[in-house]
Amino acid sequence: RLYVCVVIDNFNEIKEAQDGWGFLTDGQRAWSDSLKEMASMRAMRLASPPVQAWRGSVFWAVTQPEFEVLFMALIMINVGFMAANQHPGSDELAETLQTANYTFTSLFALEMCLKVVGLGPRGYMRDRWNLFDAFLVVTSVGEIVLQVVTAGDPYFSPLVLRTLRVFRIMRMLRLVRWTTSIRTLLATLFYSLPALVNVAGLLLLLLFIYA
């Protein structure tokens, strides 16, 4: 215990002396500085309205904050339905959850189509969050198609459908885009990864010595 206290005390002194950089090597410090500079210099991309009048109304709708708030609420309701799943459950509950899955998948597919029409294919793919949404929509549609095609097939493993259902939970990551506190927390954790790796290595070394 005395050795551990001495090591921790010395590390705290180094940390205070170097303004929090005592846990990082020079290379890790440069890596963290470059990430912070890139995050602060990142420019915000503004979508340009389309020339066609009929697409202009769709563009106006999908770029409104209320549009994103609506689908954020739908994501939270969808997660609530997914959390209501039980095993074993009644047939009524299974049918309700299946109907809810079809409904939410259709709504998210409609959102993707509206954004493609309003922003254009190139403008839609310019945002990585839109690509993430498109991946989740394609995965959800593929899950429904497999569920319908393989219904009653004794040779089809249900593990495939369970694996595809996991991707539906990833929709909650869209909340990170509009929640400042969660974004700040994840950024802080990302910038602290080198220091956490060094501290974890030190703790593993101490556990190996005193094991």
N, C-alpha and C. Protein backbone atom coordinates (compact mmCIF):
# COMPACT_ATOMS: atom_id res chain seq x y z
N ARG A 1 0.82 -1.20 0.00
CA ARG A 1 0.00 0.00 0.00
C ARG A 1 0.86 1.26 0.00
N LEU A 2 1.98 1.20 0.73
CA LEU A 2 2.85 2.36 0.78
C LEU A 2 3.42 2.68 -0.59
N TYR A 3 3.84 1.62 -1.33
CA TYR A 3 4.38 1.85 -2.67
C TYR A 3 3.31 2.45 -3.59
N VAL A 4 2.10 1.92 -3.50
CA VAL A 4 1.01 2.43 -4.34
C VAL A 4 0.73 3.89 -4.03
N CYS A 5 0.71 4.24 -2.75
CA CYS A 5 0.46 5.63 -2.36
C CYS A 5 1.55 6.56 -2.88
N VAL A 6 2.80 6.10 -2.83
CA VAL A 6 3.91 6.92 -3.32
C VAL A 6 3.79 7.14 -4.82
N VAL A 7 3.47 6.06 -5.56
CA VAL A 7 3.33 6.17 -7.00
C VAL A 7 2.20 7.12 -7.37
N ILE A 8 1.05 6.98 -6.72
CA ILE A 8 -0.09 7.85 -7.01
C ILE A 8 0.21 9.29 -6.64
N ASP A 9 0.91 9.50 -5.53
CA ASP A 9 1.25 10.86 -5.13
C ASP A 9 2.20 11.50 -6.13
N ASN A 10 3.16 10.75 -6.61
CA ASN A 10 4.09 11.29 -7.61
C ASN A 10 3.37 11.61 -8.92
N PHE A 11 2.46 10.77 -9.31
CA PHE A 11 1.71 11.04 -10.52
C PHE A 11 0.83 12.28 -10.37
N ASN A 12 0.26 12.47 -9.19
CA ASN A 12 -0.55 13.66 -8.97
C ASN A 12 0.30 14.92 -9.03
N GLU A 13 1.51 14.87 -8.51
CA GLU A 13 2.41 16.01 -8.58
C GLU A 13 2.77 16.34 -10.04
N ILE A 14 3.07 15.29 -10.80
CA ILE A 14 3.40 15.51 -12.21
C ILE A 14 2.19 16.08 -12.96
N LYS A 15 1.03 15.55 -12.64
CA LYS A 15 -0.19 16.01 -13.31
C LYS A 15 -0.46 17.50 -13.03
N GLU A 16 -0.29 17.91 -11.77
CA GLU A 16 -0.50 19.31 -11.43
C GLU A 16 0.59 20.19 -12.03
N ALA A 17 1.83 19.69 -12.06
CA ALA A 17 2.93 20.50 -12.58
C ALA A 17 2.81 20.73 -14.07
N GLN A 18 2.29 19.76 -14.79
CA GLN A 18 2.21 19.86 -16.25
C GLN A 18 0.79 20.16 -16.73
N ASP A 19 -0.03 20.71 -15.85
CA ASP A 19 -1.39 21.14 -16.21
C ASP A 19 -2.20 20.00 -16.82
N GLY A 20 -2.18 18.85 -16.16
CA GLY A 20 -3.01 17.74 -16.59
C GLY A 20 -2.40 16.86 -17.66
N TRP A 21 -1.17 17.14 -18.11
CA TRP A 21 -0.56 16.36 -19.18
C TRP A 21 0.42 15.32 -18.66
N GLY A 22 0.44 15.09 -17.37
CA GLY A 22 1.42 14.17 -16.82
C GLY A 22 1.21 12.72 -17.21
N PHE A 23 0.00 12.37 -17.59
CA PHE A 23 -0.29 10.99 -17.95
C PHE A 23 -0.06 10.70 -19.42
N LEU A 24 0.36 11.70 -20.20
CA LEU A 24 0.52 11.53 -21.64
C LEU A 24 1.98 11.63 -22.05
N THR A 25 2.32 10.86 -23.07
CA THR A 25 3.63 11.01 -23.68
C THR A 25 3.58 12.18 -24.66
N ASP A 26 4.74 12.53 -25.22
CA ASP A 26 4.77 13.65 -26.17
C ASP A 26 3.93 13.36 -27.41
N GLY A 27 4.02 12.12 -27.90
CA GLY A 27 3.23 11.77 -29.08
C GLY A 27 1.73 11.80 -28.80
N GLN A 28 1.33 11.29 -27.62
CA GLN A 28 -0.08 11.32 -27.27
C GLN A 28 -0.57 12.74 -27.04
N ARG A 29 0.29 13.58 -26.51
CA ARG A 29 -0.10 14.98 -26.30
C ARG A 29 -0.31 15.68 -27.64
N ALA A 30 0.57 15.42 -28.61
CA ALA A 30 0.42 16.01 -29.94
C ALA A 30 -0.85 15.49 -30.62
N TRP A 31 -1.14 14.20 -30.44
CA TRP A 31 -2.35 13.62 -31.03
C TRP A 31 -3.60 14.27 -30.46
N SER A 32 -3.64 14.45 -29.14
CA SER A 32 -4.80 15.07 -28.50
C SER A 32 -4.96 16.53 -28.92
N ASP A 33 -3.83 17.25 -29.03
CA ASP A 33 -3.89 18.65 -29.47
C ASP A 33 -4.42 18.76 -30.90
N SER A 34 -3.98 17.85 -31.77
CA SER A 34 -4.45 17.91 -33.16
C SER A 34 -5.93 17.61 -33.26
N LEU A 35 -6.44 16.69 -32.42
CA LEU A 35 -7.87 16.40 -32.43
C LEU A 35 -8.68 17.60 -31.98
N LYS A 36 -8.21 18.28 -30.95
CA LYS A 36 -8.94 19.46 -30.46
C LYS A 36 -8.93 20.58 -31.50
N GLU A 37 -7.79 20.76 -32.19
CA GLU A 37 -7.73 21.79 -33.23
C GLU A 37 -8.65 21.46 -34.39
N MET A 38 -8.70 20.18 -34.77
CA MET A 38 -9.60 19.78 -35.86
C MET A 38 -11.06 19.97 -35.48
N ALA A 39 -11.39 19.68 -34.20
CA ALA A 39 -12.77 19.86 -33.75
C ALA A 39 -13.17 21.33 -33.71
N SER A 40 -12.23 22.19 -33.33
CA SER A 40 -12.56 23.61 -33.25
C SER A 40 -12.60 24.28 -34.63
N MET A 41 -11.87 23.73 -35.61
CA MET A 41 -11.82 24.32 -36.95
C MET A 41 -12.84 23.70 -37.90
N ARG A 42 -13.61 22.72 -37.44
CA ARG A 42 -14.54 22.04 -38.33
C ARG A 42 -15.65 23.00 -38.74
N ALA A 43 -15.79 23.20 -40.03
CA ALA A 43 -16.81 24.12 -40.53
C ALA A 43 -18.16 23.43 -40.64
N MET A 44 -19.19 24.20 -40.45
CA MET A 44 -20.54 23.68 -40.52
C MET A 44 -21.03 23.74 -41.97
N ARG A 45 -21.45 22.60 -42.50
CA ARG A 45 -21.91 22.52 -43.87
C ARG A 45 -23.37 22.94 -43.95
N LEU A 46 -23.64 23.88 -44.83
CA LEU A 46 -24.99 24.35 -45.04
C LEU A 46 -25.51 23.78 -46.34
N ALA A 47 -26.70 23.19 -46.28
CA ALA A 47 -27.29 22.62 -47.48
C ALA A 47 -27.87 23.72 -48.35
N SER A 48 -27.66 23.60 -49.65
CA SER A 48 -28.19 24.60 -50.59
C SER A 48 -29.56 24.16 -51.08
N PRO A 49 -30.52 25.08 -51.16
CA PRO A 49 -31.88 24.70 -51.60
C PRO A 49 -31.88 24.29 -53.06
N PRO A 50 -32.75 23.36 -53.43
CA PRO A 50 -32.82 22.92 -54.83
C PRO A 50 -33.48 23.96 -55.72
N VAL A 51 -33.29 23.79 -57.02
CA VAL A 51 -33.86 24.73 -57.99
C VAL A 51 -35.34 24.45 -58.21
N GLN A 52 -35.73 23.18 -58.23
CA GLN A 52 -37.12 22.82 -58.50
C GLN A 52 -38.01 23.32 -57.36
N ALA A 53 -39.17 23.83 -57.73
CA ALA A 53 -40.09 24.39 -56.73
C ALA A 53 -40.69 23.30 -55.85
N TRP A 54 -41.03 22.14 -56.45
CA TRP A 54 -41.66 21.08 -55.67
C TRP A 54 -40.69 20.47 -54.67
N ARG A 55 -39.39 20.49 -54.98
CA ARG A 55 -38.39 20.01 -54.03
C ARG A 55 -38.08 21.07 -52.98
N GLY A 56 -38.36 22.35 -53.32
CA GLY A 56 -38.08 23.41 -52.36
C GLY A 56 -38.92 23.30 -51.11
N SER A 57 -40.18 22.91 -51.25
CA SER A 57 -41.03 22.75 -50.07
C SER A 57 -40.56 21.59 -49.20
N VAL A 58 -40.11 20.50 -49.87
CA VAL A 58 -39.59 19.36 -49.11
C VAL A 58 -38.29 19.74 -48.41
N PHE A 59 -37.44 20.50 -49.11
CA PHE A 59 -36.19 20.98 -48.51
C PHE A 59 -36.46 21.83 -47.28
N TRP A 60 -37.44 22.71 -47.38
CA TRP A 60 -37.79 23.57 -46.24
C TRP A 60 -38.27 22.73 -45.06
N ALA A 61 -39.04 21.68 -45.34
CA ALA A 61 -39.59 20.84 -44.27
C ALA A 61 -38.49 20.06 -43.55
N VAL A 62 -37.57 19.45 -44.31
CA VAL A 62 -36.56 18.59 -43.68
C VAL A 62 -35.46 19.38 -43.00
N THR A 63 -35.33 20.67 -43.29
CA THR A 63 -34.29 21.48 -42.64
C THR A 63 -34.81 22.25 -41.43
N GLN A 64 -36.08 22.08 -41.11
CA GLN A 64 -36.63 22.74 -39.93
C GLN A 64 -36.24 21.98 -38.67
N PRO A 65 -35.97 22.69 -37.56
CA PRO A 65 -35.64 21.98 -36.30
C PRO A 65 -36.77 21.10 -35.80
N GLU A 66 -38.02 21.49 -36.09
CA GLU A 66 -39.15 20.68 -35.64
C GLU A 66 -39.17 19.31 -36.29
N PHE A 67 -38.64 19.22 -37.52
CA PHE A 67 -38.58 17.93 -38.21
C PHE A 67 -37.67 16.97 -37.45
N GLU A 68 -36.52 17.44 -37.02
CA GLU A 68 -35.59 16.60 -36.27
C GLU A 68 -36.15 16.27 -34.89
N VAL A 69 -36.81 17.24 -34.25
CA VAL A 69 -37.40 16.99 -32.93
C VAL A 69 -38.46 15.90 -33.03
N LEU A 70 -39.27 15.94 -34.09
CA LEU A 70 -40.30 14.93 -34.28
C LEU A 70 -39.71 13.53 -34.36
N PHE A 71 -38.66 13.38 -35.14
CA PHE A 71 -38.08 12.05 -35.30
C PHE A 71 -37.22 11.65 -34.10
N MET A 72 -36.71 12.61 -33.34
CA MET A 72 -36.07 12.26 -32.08
C MET A 72 -37.09 11.67 -31.11
N ALA A 73 -38.28 12.26 -31.08
CA ALA A 73 -39.35 11.73 -30.23
C ALA A 73 -39.78 10.34 -30.70
N LEU A 74 -39.84 10.14 -32.02
CA LEU A 74 -40.19 8.81 -32.55
C LEU A 74 -39.14 7.78 -32.18
N ILE A 75 -37.88 8.17 -32.17
CA ILE A 75 -36.81 7.24 -31.78
C ILE A 75 -36.97 6.81 -30.33
N MET A 76 -37.28 7.77 -29.46
CA MET A 76 -37.46 7.43 -28.04
C MET A 76 -38.67 6.55 -27.83
N ILE A 77 -39.76 6.81 -28.57
CA ILE A 77 -40.94 5.94 -28.46
C ILE A 77 -40.62 4.55 -28.99
N ASN A 78 -39.86 4.48 -30.08
CA ASN A 78 -39.46 3.19 -30.63
C ASN A 78 -38.63 2.39 -29.64
N VAL A 79 -37.71 3.06 -28.97
CA VAL A 79 -36.90 2.37 -27.95
C VAL A 79 -37.79 1.87 -26.81
N GLY A 80 -38.81 2.64 -26.45
CA GLY A 80 -39.74 2.19 -25.42
C GLY A 80 -40.48 0.93 -25.81
N PHE A 81 -40.91 0.84 -27.07
CA PHE A 81 -41.57 -0.38 -27.54
C PHE A 81 -40.60 -1.55 -27.54
N MET A 82 -39.35 -1.31 -27.93
CA MET A 82 -38.37 -2.40 -27.93
C MET A 82 -38.08 -2.89 -26.52
N ALA A 83 -38.10 -1.97 -25.54
CA ALA A 83 -37.87 -2.36 -24.16
C ALA A 83 -39.04 -3.13 -23.57
N ALA A 84 -40.21 -3.04 -24.19
CA ALA A 84 -41.40 -3.74 -23.69
C ALA A 84 -41.43 -5.21 -24.08
N ASN A 85 -40.46 -5.63 -24.86
CA ASN A 85 -40.43 -7.03 -25.29
C ASN A 85 -40.17 -7.95 -24.10
N GLN A 86 -40.90 -9.06 -24.04
CA GLN A 86 -40.78 -10.01 -22.94
C GLN A 86 -40.61 -11.42 -23.49
N HIS A 87 -39.96 -12.25 -22.68
CA HIS A 87 -39.80 -13.65 -23.05
C HIS A 87 -39.98 -14.52 -21.80
N PRO A 88 -40.98 -15.40 -21.79
CA PRO A 88 -42.00 -15.56 -22.83
C PRO A 88 -43.07 -14.47 -22.72
N GLY A 89 -43.64 -14.09 -23.85
CA GLY A 89 -44.67 -13.07 -23.88
C GLY A 89 -45.94 -13.58 -24.53
N SER A 90 -46.99 -12.81 -24.40
CA SER A 90 -48.27 -13.21 -24.98
C SER A 90 -48.27 -12.95 -26.48
N ASP A 91 -49.21 -13.59 -27.15
CA ASP A 91 -49.34 -13.39 -28.60
C ASP A 91 -49.77 -11.96 -28.92
N GLU A 92 -50.61 -11.37 -28.07
CA GLU A 92 -51.06 -10.01 -28.29
C GLU A 92 -49.90 -9.02 -28.23
N LEU A 93 -49.00 -9.23 -27.24
CA LEU A 93 -47.84 -8.35 -27.12
C LEU A 93 -46.92 -8.50 -28.32
N ALA A 94 -46.69 -9.74 -28.77
CA ALA A 94 -45.82 -9.96 -29.92
C ALA A 94 -46.40 -9.31 -31.18
N GLU A 95 -47.71 -9.40 -31.34
CA GLU A 95 -48.34 -8.79 -32.52
C GLU A 95 -48.27 -7.26 -32.45
N THR A 96 -48.45 -6.71 -31.24
CA THR A 96 -48.36 -5.25 -31.07
C THR A 96 -46.95 -4.75 -31.37
N LEU A 97 -45.95 -5.46 -30.87
CA LEU A 97 -44.56 -5.05 -31.11
C LEU A 97 -44.19 -5.19 -32.58
N GLN A 98 -44.71 -6.22 -33.24
CA GLN A 98 -44.43 -6.39 -34.66
C GLN A 98 -45.07 -5.26 -35.48
N THR A 99 -46.30 -4.89 -35.13
CA THR A 99 -46.95 -3.78 -35.82
C THR A 99 -46.21 -2.47 -35.59
N ALA A 100 -45.75 -2.27 -34.35
CA ALA A 100 -44.97 -1.06 -34.03
C ALA A 100 -43.66 -1.03 -34.82
N ASN A 101 -43.03 -2.20 -34.99
CA ASN A 101 -41.79 -2.25 -35.76
C ASN A 101 -42.04 -1.88 -37.22
N TYR A 102 -43.11 -2.39 -37.80
CA TYR A 102 -43.46 -2.04 -39.18
C TYR A 102 -43.74 -0.54 -39.31
N THR A 103 -44.45 0.00 -38.32
CA THR A 103 -44.83 1.42 -38.37
C THR A 103 -43.60 2.31 -38.27
N PHE A 104 -42.75 2.05 -37.29
CA PHE A 104 -41.57 2.90 -37.11
C PHE A 104 -40.59 2.75 -38.27
N THR A 105 -40.43 1.54 -38.79
CA THR A 105 -39.55 1.36 -39.95
C THR A 105 -40.07 2.14 -41.15
N SER A 106 -41.39 2.14 -41.35
CA SER A 106 -41.97 2.90 -42.45
C SER A 106 -41.76 4.40 -42.26
N LEU A 107 -41.90 4.88 -41.03
CA LEU A 107 -41.70 6.31 -40.76
C LEU A 107 -40.25 6.73 -40.98
N PHE A 108 -39.31 5.90 -40.54
CA PHE A 108 -37.90 6.24 -40.74
C PHE A 108 -37.50 6.13 -42.21
N ALA A 109 -38.11 5.19 -42.93
CA ALA A 109 -37.87 5.12 -44.37
C ALA A 109 -38.45 6.34 -45.08
N LEU A 110 -39.61 6.81 -44.61
CA LEU A 110 -40.18 8.02 -45.17
C LEU A 110 -39.29 9.22 -44.90
N GLU A 111 -38.71 9.28 -43.71
CA GLU A 111 -37.78 10.37 -43.40
C GLU A 111 -36.59 10.35 -44.35
N MET A 112 -36.04 9.17 -44.60
CA MET A 112 -34.89 9.06 -45.50
C MET A 112 -35.27 9.50 -46.91
N CYS A 113 -36.43 9.09 -47.39
CA CYS A 113 -36.86 9.47 -48.73
C CYS A 113 -37.08 10.97 -48.85
N LEU A 114 -37.68 11.58 -47.82
CA LEU A 114 -37.90 13.02 -47.85
C LEU A 114 -36.58 13.79 -47.87
N LYS A 115 -35.61 13.31 -47.11
CA LYS A 115 -34.32 13.99 -47.09
C LYS A 115 -33.59 13.83 -48.43
N VAL A 116 -33.71 12.66 -49.05
CA VAL A 116 -33.07 12.45 -50.35
C VAL A 116 -33.70 13.36 -51.39
N VAL A 117 -35.02 13.51 -51.33
CA VAL A 117 -35.71 14.38 -52.28
C VAL A 117 -35.38 15.84 -52.03
N GLY A 118 -35.42 16.25 -50.75
CA GLY A 118 -35.20 17.66 -50.44
C GLY A 118 -33.75 18.09 -50.58
N LEU A 119 -32.83 17.29 -50.07
CA LEU A 119 -31.41 17.64 -50.11
C LEU A 119 -30.72 17.19 -51.38
N GLY A 120 -31.32 16.22 -52.07
CA GLY A 120 -30.66 15.64 -53.22
C GLY A 120 -29.75 14.50 -52.78
N PRO A 121 -29.49 13.52 -53.65
CA PRO A 121 -28.64 12.39 -53.26
C PRO A 121 -27.25 12.82 -52.80
N ARG A 122 -26.65 13.77 -53.51
CA ARG A 122 -25.31 14.22 -53.12
C ARG A 122 -25.33 14.98 -51.80
N GLY A 123 -26.31 15.84 -51.62
CA GLY A 123 -26.42 16.58 -50.37
C GLY A 123 -26.76 15.68 -49.21
N TYR A 124 -27.55 14.63 -49.48
CA TYR A 124 -27.90 13.69 -48.42
C TYR A 124 -26.68 12.90 -47.96
N MET A 125 -25.87 12.43 -48.91
CA MET A 125 -24.71 11.62 -48.55
C MET A 125 -23.57 12.45 -48.00
N ARG A 126 -23.67 13.78 -48.09
CA ARG A 126 -22.61 14.63 -47.57
C ARG A 126 -22.57 14.60 -46.04
N ASP A 127 -23.71 14.30 -45.42
CA ASP A 127 -23.78 14.25 -43.96
C ASP A 127 -23.64 12.79 -43.52
N ARG A 128 -22.68 12.53 -42.64
CA ARG A 128 -22.45 11.15 -42.20
C ARG A 128 -23.60 10.62 -41.36
N TRP A 129 -24.29 11.50 -40.66
CA TRP A 129 -25.45 11.05 -39.87
C TRP A 129 -26.54 10.53 -40.80
N ASN A 130 -26.69 11.13 -41.96
CA ASN A 130 -27.66 10.63 -42.92
C ASN A 130 -27.27 9.24 -43.44
N LEU A 131 -26.00 9.03 -43.67
CA LEU A 131 -25.54 7.70 -44.09
C LEU A 131 -25.79 6.67 -42.99
N PHE A 132 -25.60 7.09 -41.75
CA PHE A 132 -25.88 6.21 -40.62
C PHE A 132 -27.36 5.86 -40.57
N ASP A 133 -28.23 6.85 -40.77
CA ASP A 133 -29.66 6.61 -40.80
C ASP A 133 -30.04 5.67 -41.94
N ALA A 134 -29.44 5.88 -43.11
CA ALA A 134 -29.74 5.02 -44.26
C ALA A 134 -29.33 3.58 -43.98
N PHE A 135 -28.20 3.39 -43.34
CA PHE A 135 -27.76 2.03 -42.99
C PHE A 135 -28.76 1.36 -42.05
N LEU A 136 -29.25 2.11 -41.06
CA LEU A 136 -30.21 1.53 -40.12
C LEU A 136 -31.54 1.22 -40.79
N VAL A 137 -31.97 2.08 -41.72
CA VAL A 137 -33.23 1.83 -42.43
C VAL A 137 -33.11 0.58 -43.30
N VAL A 138 -32.01 0.46 -44.03
CA VAL A 138 -31.81 -0.73 -44.88
C VAL A 138 -31.74 -1.99 -44.03
N THR A 139 -31.08 -1.91 -42.88
CA THR A 139 -31.00 -3.07 -41.99
C THR A 139 -32.37 -3.45 -41.45
N SER A 140 -33.18 -2.46 -41.07
CA SER A 140 -34.52 -2.75 -40.54
C SER A 140 -35.41 -3.35 -41.62
N VAL A 141 -35.34 -2.82 -42.83
CA VAL A 141 -36.13 -3.38 -43.93
C VAL A 141 -35.68 -4.80 -44.25
N GLY A 142 -34.37 -5.03 -44.23
CA GLY A 142 -33.86 -6.39 -44.45
C GLY A 142 -34.32 -7.36 -43.38
N GLU A 143 -34.40 -6.88 -42.14
CA GLU A 143 -34.90 -7.74 -41.06
C GLU A 143 -36.35 -8.14 -41.30
N ILE A 144 -37.18 -7.15 -41.71
CA ILE A 144 -38.60 -7.44 -41.95
C ILE A 144 -38.76 -8.41 -43.11
N VAL A 145 -37.98 -8.21 -44.19
CA VAL A 145 -38.07 -9.09 -45.35
C VAL A 145 -37.67 -10.52 -44.96
N LEU A 146 -36.58 -10.66 -44.21
CA LEU A 146 -36.17 -11.99 -43.78
C LEU A 146 -37.21 -12.64 -42.88
N GLN A 147 -37.81 -11.83 -42.01
CA GLN A 147 -38.81 -12.37 -41.11
C GLN A 147 -40.03 -12.89 -41.86
N VAL A 148 -40.42 -12.19 -42.93
CA VAL A 148 -41.58 -12.62 -43.71
C VAL A 148 -41.24 -13.82 -44.58
N VAL A 149 -40.06 -13.79 -45.22
CA VAL A 149 -39.69 -14.86 -46.15
C VAL A 149 -39.43 -16.17 -45.41
N THR A 150 -38.79 -16.09 -44.25
CA THR A 150 -38.40 -17.31 -43.53
C THR A 150 -39.41 -17.72 -42.48
N ALA A 151 -40.60 -17.16 -42.51
CA ALA A 151 -41.62 -17.53 -41.52
C ALA A 151 -42.01 -19.00 -41.69
N GLY A 152 -41.90 -19.75 -40.62
CA GLY A 152 -42.23 -21.17 -40.66
C GLY A 152 -41.13 -22.06 -41.17
N ASP A 153 -39.96 -21.50 -41.49
CA ASP A 153 -38.84 -22.32 -41.98
C ASP A 153 -38.09 -22.89 -40.78
N PRO A 154 -38.10 -24.20 -40.57
CA PRO A 154 -37.42 -24.76 -39.39
C PRO A 154 -35.91 -24.74 -39.48
N TYR A 155 -35.37 -24.54 -40.69
CA TYR A 155 -33.92 -24.56 -40.87
C TYR A 155 -33.28 -23.17 -40.76
N PHE A 156 -34.11 -22.16 -40.64
CA PHE A 156 -33.57 -20.80 -40.54
C PHE A 156 -33.32 -20.46 -39.07
N SER A 157 -32.10 -20.00 -38.78
CA SER A 157 -31.74 -19.69 -37.40
C SER A 157 -32.30 -18.33 -36.99
N PRO A 158 -33.05 -18.25 -35.88
CA PRO A 158 -33.57 -16.94 -35.43
C PRO A 158 -32.48 -16.02 -34.91
N LEU A 159 -31.26 -16.55 -34.76
CA LEU A 159 -30.15 -15.72 -34.29
C LEU A 159 -29.84 -14.59 -35.28
N VAL A 160 -30.09 -14.83 -36.57
CA VAL A 160 -29.84 -13.80 -37.58
C VAL A 160 -30.76 -12.61 -37.36
N LEU A 161 -32.04 -12.88 -37.08
CA LEU A 161 -32.99 -11.79 -36.83
C LEU A 161 -32.66 -11.05 -35.55
N ARG A 162 -32.22 -11.78 -34.53
CA ARG A 162 -31.84 -11.10 -33.27
C ARG A 162 -30.64 -10.20 -33.48
N THR A 163 -29.71 -10.65 -34.33
CA THR A 163 -28.53 -9.82 -34.62
C THR A 163 -28.93 -8.54 -35.35
N LEU A 164 -29.86 -8.65 -36.30
CA LEU A 164 -30.31 -7.47 -37.02
C LEU A 164 -31.10 -6.52 -36.13
N ARG A 165 -31.78 -7.06 -35.12
CA ARG A 165 -32.54 -6.19 -34.21
C ARG A 165 -31.63 -5.32 -33.37
N VAL A 166 -30.40 -5.77 -33.17
CA VAL A 166 -29.46 -4.97 -32.37
C VAL A 166 -29.19 -3.63 -33.03
N PHE A 167 -29.19 -3.61 -34.36
CA PHE A 167 -28.91 -2.35 -35.07
C PHE A 167 -30.00 -1.31 -34.83
N ARG A 168 -31.22 -1.77 -34.50
CA ARG A 168 -32.28 -0.81 -34.24
C ARG A 168 -32.00 0.02 -32.99
N ILE A 169 -31.31 -0.59 -32.03
CA ILE A 169 -30.97 0.15 -30.80
C ILE A 169 -29.98 1.26 -31.10
N MET A 170 -29.19 1.10 -32.16
CA MET A 170 -28.18 2.11 -32.49
C MET A 170 -28.80 3.43 -32.92
N ARG A 171 -30.13 3.45 -33.15
CA ARG A 171 -30.77 4.72 -33.49
C ARG A 171 -30.66 5.73 -32.36
N MET A 172 -30.47 5.25 -31.14
CA MET A 172 -30.34 6.16 -30.01
C MET A 172 -29.11 7.05 -30.15
N LEU A 173 -28.14 6.61 -30.96
CA LEU A 173 -26.94 7.42 -31.16
C LEU A 173 -27.25 8.73 -31.86
N ARG A 174 -28.40 8.81 -32.53
CA ARG A 174 -28.77 10.07 -33.16
C ARG A 174 -29.04 11.16 -32.12
N LEU A 175 -29.38 10.75 -30.90
CA LEU A 175 -29.61 11.73 -29.85
C LEU A 175 -28.33 12.48 -29.51
N VAL A 176 -27.17 11.84 -29.77
CA VAL A 176 -25.89 12.49 -29.47
C VAL A 176 -25.72 13.75 -30.30
N ARG A 177 -26.27 13.73 -31.51
CA ARG A 177 -26.08 14.86 -32.42
C ARG A 177 -26.71 16.15 -31.87
N TRP A 178 -27.81 16.03 -31.14
CA TRP A 178 -28.54 17.21 -30.69
C TRP A 178 -28.45 17.43 -29.19
N THR A 179 -27.74 16.56 -28.47
CA THR A 179 -27.59 16.72 -27.02
C THR A 179 -26.17 17.21 -26.74
N THR A 180 -26.05 18.46 -26.33
CA THR A 180 -24.73 19.06 -26.14
C THR A 180 -23.97 18.40 -25.02
N SER A 181 -24.64 18.07 -23.92
CA SER A 181 -23.96 17.48 -22.77
C SER A 181 -23.38 16.11 -23.11
N ILE A 182 -24.15 15.30 -23.86
CA ILE A 182 -23.65 13.97 -24.23
C ILE A 182 -22.49 14.11 -25.21
N ARG A 183 -22.59 15.06 -26.16
CA ARG A 183 -21.49 15.29 -27.09
C ARG A 183 -20.23 15.70 -26.36
N THR A 184 -20.37 16.59 -25.38
CA THR A 184 -19.20 17.03 -24.60
C THR A 184 -18.60 15.88 -23.82
N LEU A 185 -19.46 15.04 -23.24
CA LEU A 185 -18.97 13.90 -22.47
C LEU A 185 -18.22 12.92 -23.35
N LEU A 186 -18.76 12.61 -24.53
CA LEU A 186 -18.08 11.68 -25.43
C LEU A 186 -16.78 12.26 -25.96
N ALA A 187 -16.78 13.58 -26.25
CA ALA A 187 -15.54 14.21 -26.71
C ALA A 187 -14.46 14.18 -25.64
N THR A 188 -14.88 14.44 -24.38
CA THR A 188 -13.92 14.38 -23.27
C THR A 188 -13.35 12.98 -23.10
N LEU A 189 -14.23 11.98 -23.21
CA LEU A 189 -13.77 10.60 -23.10
C LEU A 189 -12.83 10.24 -24.24
N PHE A 190 -13.13 10.73 -25.45
CA PHE A 190 -12.28 10.43 -26.61
C PHE A 190 -10.92 11.07 -26.47
N TYR A 191 -10.87 12.32 -26.00
CA TYR A 191 -9.60 13.00 -25.82
C TYR A 191 -8.78 12.39 -24.68
N SER A 192 -9.45 11.72 -23.72
CA SER A 192 -8.77 11.17 -22.56
C SER A 192 -8.32 9.73 -22.77
N LEU A 193 -8.57 9.16 -23.95
CA LEU A 193 -8.21 7.76 -24.18
C LEU A 193 -6.73 7.47 -23.98
N PRO A 194 -5.81 8.31 -24.49
CA PRO A 194 -4.39 7.99 -24.24
C PRO A 194 -4.03 7.96 -22.77
N ALA A 195 -4.55 8.92 -21.99
CA ALA A 195 -4.26 8.93 -20.56
C ALA A 195 -4.87 7.72 -19.86
N LEU A 196 -6.08 7.33 -20.28
CA LEU A 196 -6.71 6.17 -19.67
C LEU A 196 -5.94 4.89 -19.98
N VAL A 197 -5.40 4.81 -21.19
CA VAL A 197 -4.60 3.63 -21.54
C VAL A 197 -3.34 3.55 -20.67
N ASN A 198 -2.70 4.69 -20.46
CA ASN A 198 -1.50 4.70 -19.62
C ASN A 198 -1.81 4.33 -18.18
N VAL A 199 -2.90 4.88 -17.65
CA VAL A 199 -3.28 4.56 -16.27
C VAL A 199 -3.67 3.09 -16.15
N ALA A 200 -4.40 2.56 -17.14
CA ALA A 200 -4.77 1.15 -17.11
C ALA A 200 -3.54 0.26 -17.18
N GLY A 201 -2.55 0.65 -17.99
CA GLY A 201 -1.30 -0.12 -18.04
C GLY A 201 -0.57 -0.13 -16.70
N LEU A 202 -0.57 1.02 -16.04
CA LEU A 202 0.06 1.09 -14.73
C LEU A 202 -0.65 0.21 -13.71
N LEU A 203 -1.98 0.24 -13.72
CA LEU A 203 -2.74 -0.58 -12.79
C LEU A 203 -2.55 -2.07 -13.07
N LEU A 204 -2.51 -2.45 -14.35
CA LEU A 204 -2.26 -3.85 -14.68
C LEU A 204 -0.87 -4.29 -14.22
N LEU A 205 0.10 -3.38 -14.35
CA LEU A 205 1.45 -3.71 -13.89
C LEU A 205 1.47 -3.91 -12.38
N LEU A 206 0.77 -3.05 -11.65
CA LEU A 206 0.72 -3.19 -10.20
C LEU A 206 -0.01 -4.48 -9.80
N LEU A 207 -1.10 -4.80 -10.51
CA LEU A 207 -1.80 -6.04 -10.21
C LEU A 207 -0.95 -7.27 -10.52
N PHE A 208 -0.15 -7.18 -11.59
CA PHE A 208 0.73 -8.30 -11.93
C PHE A 208 1.82 -8.48 -10.89
N ILE A 209 2.33 -7.36 -10.36
CA ILE A 209 3.41 -7.45 -9.37
C ILE A 209 2.89 -8.00 -8.05
N TYR A 210 1.72 -7.52 -7.61
CA TYR A 210 1.21 -7.90 -6.29
C TYR A 210 0.28 -9.10 -6.34
N ALA A 211 0.09 -9.72 -7.51
CA ALA A 211 -0.80 -10.87 -7.60
C ALA A 211 -0.18 -12.08 -6.91
